[in-house]
Amino acid sequence: MKLKTKKYDVANYLDSDEMIVTYLDAAFESGDTSRVAEALGDVARARGMTKIARATGLAREQLYKTLSADGKPELSTVLKVMAAFGGRLRSDFPRAQARRTGRRSTASQRPAKPRKVA
């Protein structure tokens, strides 16, 4: 008897917001741009590529190509796709130590403008 197999598609398992967040977080944390592009494509397929294309204003075929392991999406495309997912990108820097120690911010440490002497 011949064994029948099906091609594994992660998009079939991205069926909750929690799964999608975990999956995208892992891709972004990897630092691998091709992995990020592919993960965005997987989520787009799970959510419906046609729906994502409409929401972003980009062609469906272009999204399939760009959001693949070989794709190199521009930042504007990533932002549009993330917005279509209902998400966003944001920085994750540690809070500045200046606020806790009471030090002035760098903006207030600028030297004063020289005065004209008459």
Protein backbone atom coordinates (compact mmCIF):
# COMPACT_ATOMS: atom_id res chain seq x y z
CA MET A 1 0.00 0.00 0.00
CA LYS A 2 1.31 3.39 -1.02
CA LEU A 3 1.52 6.08 1.68
CA LYS A 4 -0.34 9.29 0.84
CA THR A 5 1.07 12.54 2.14
CA LYS A 6 0.02 16.14 1.93
CA LYS A 7 2.27 19.15 1.70
CA TYR A 8 2.59 20.87 5.09
CA ASP A 9 1.29 24.44 5.07
CA VAL A 10 1.72 26.45 8.26
CA ALA A 11 -1.09 28.80 7.14
CA ASN A 12 -3.54 26.00 7.94
CA TYR A 13 -2.53 26.24 11.62
CA LEU A 14 -2.59 30.02 12.00
CA ASP A 15 -6.21 29.99 13.08
CA SER A 16 -6.15 32.36 16.06
CA ASP A 17 -4.75 35.79 16.83
CA GLU A 18 -2.60 34.24 19.56
CA MET A 19 -1.01 31.78 17.11
CA ILE A 20 -0.40 34.56 14.59
CA VAL A 21 1.21 36.86 17.17
CA THR A 22 3.48 34.08 18.42
CA TYR A 23 4.44 33.10 14.88
CA LEU A 24 5.21 36.67 13.76
CA ASP A 25 7.11 37.46 16.98
CA ALA A 26 9.36 34.44 16.40
CA ALA A 27 9.99 35.51 12.80
CA PHE A 28 10.88 39.08 13.76
CA GLU A 29 13.06 37.91 16.65
CA SER A 30 15.02 35.68 14.26
CA GLY A 31 16.43 38.76 12.52
CA ASP A 32 16.24 36.88 9.22
CA THR A 33 14.54 39.12 6.65
CA SER A 34 13.58 36.22 4.39
CA ARG A 35 11.97 34.48 7.38
CA VAL A 36 9.99 37.65 8.21
CA ALA A 37 8.78 38.01 4.62
CA GLU A 38 7.77 34.35 4.49
CA ALA A 39 5.95 34.57 7.85
CA LEU A 40 4.02 37.64 6.67
CA GLY A 41 3.05 35.67 3.56
CA ASP A 42 1.94 32.69 5.65
CA VAL A 43 -0.28 34.92 7.79
CA ALA A 44 -1.63 36.70 4.70
CA ARG A 45 -2.61 33.33 3.20
CA ALA A 46 -4.21 32.28 6.50
CA ARG A 47 -6.23 35.50 6.59
CA GLY A 48 -7.01 35.45 2.88
CA MET A 49 -4.58 36.91 0.36
CA THR A 50 -7.36 38.58 -1.66
CA LYS A 51 -8.66 40.31 1.46
CA ILE A 52 -5.14 41.48 2.39
CA ALA A 53 -4.51 42.68 -1.17
CA ARG A 54 -7.70 44.76 -1.07
CA ALA A 55 -6.83 46.23 2.32
CA THR A 56 -3.29 47.18 1.27
CA GLY A 57 -4.08 48.34 -2.25
CA LEU A 58 -1.43 45.97 -3.61
CA ALA A 59 -1.89 43.31 -6.27
CA ARG A 60 -2.50 39.80 -4.94
CA GLU A 61 0.14 38.32 -7.26
CA GLN A 62 2.65 40.94 -6.11
CA LEU A 63 1.97 40.04 -2.48
CA TYR A 64 2.48 36.31 -3.13
CA LYS A 65 5.86 37.07 -4.70
CA THR A 66 6.98 39.73 -2.20
CA LEU A 67 5.84 37.84 0.89
CA SER A 68 7.85 34.73 0.18
CA ALA A 69 11.25 33.49 1.38
CA ASP A 70 12.77 34.99 -1.79
CA GLY A 71 10.83 38.25 -1.52
CA LYS A 72 12.32 41.48 -0.29
CA PRO A 73 9.37 43.60 0.83
CA GLU A 74 9.88 47.31 1.31
CA LEU A 75 9.15 48.73 4.73
CA SER A 76 6.05 50.45 3.35
CA THR A 77 4.71 47.06 2.22
CA VAL A 78 5.42 45.49 5.62
CA LEU A 79 3.60 48.36 7.36
CA LYS A 80 0.59 48.06 5.04
CA VAL A 81 0.39 44.30 5.51
CA MET A 82 0.72 44.57 9.29
CA ALA A 83 -2.06 47.19 9.33
CA ALA A 84 -4.24 44.88 7.22
CA PHE A 85 -3.69 42.17 9.88
CA GLY A 86 -4.87 44.65 12.50
CA GLY A 87 -1.37 45.04 13.89
CA ARG A 88 1.52 47.45 13.75
CA LEU A 89 5.26 47.61 14.19
CA ARG A 90 6.69 49.42 17.16
CA SER A 91 10.05 49.83 18.82
CA ASP A 92 10.89 47.80 21.87
CA PHE A 93 13.69 49.85 23.40
CA PRO A 94 14.24 49.82 27.15
CA ARG A 95 12.92 52.91 28.91
CA ALA A 96 15.45 55.73 29.24
CA GLN A 97 17.30 55.82 32.56
CA ALA A 98 17.13 59.63 32.57
CA ARG A 99 13.49 59.62 33.68
CA ARG A 100 14.19 57.50 36.73
CA THR A 101 17.26 59.42 37.88
CA GLY A 102 15.71 62.86 37.42
CA ARG A 103 18.28 63.92 34.83
CA ARG A 104 17.23 66.34 32.16
CA SER A 105 16.51 65.03 28.69
CA THR A 106 19.00 65.67 25.89
CA ALA A 107 16.63 68.18 24.27
CA SER A 108 16.89 70.45 27.31
CA GLN A 109 20.69 70.10 27.42
CA ARG A 110 21.25 72.03 24.21
CA PRO A 111 23.53 75.03 24.58
CA ALA A 112 21.80 78.38 24.67
CA LYS A 113 21.91 80.53 21.53
CA PRO A 114 24.62 83.17 21.67
CA ARG A 115 23.34 86.65 22.41
CA LYS A 116 24.23 89.62 20.26
CA VAL A 117 26.19 92.22 22.14
CA ALA A 118 25.31 95.77 21.16
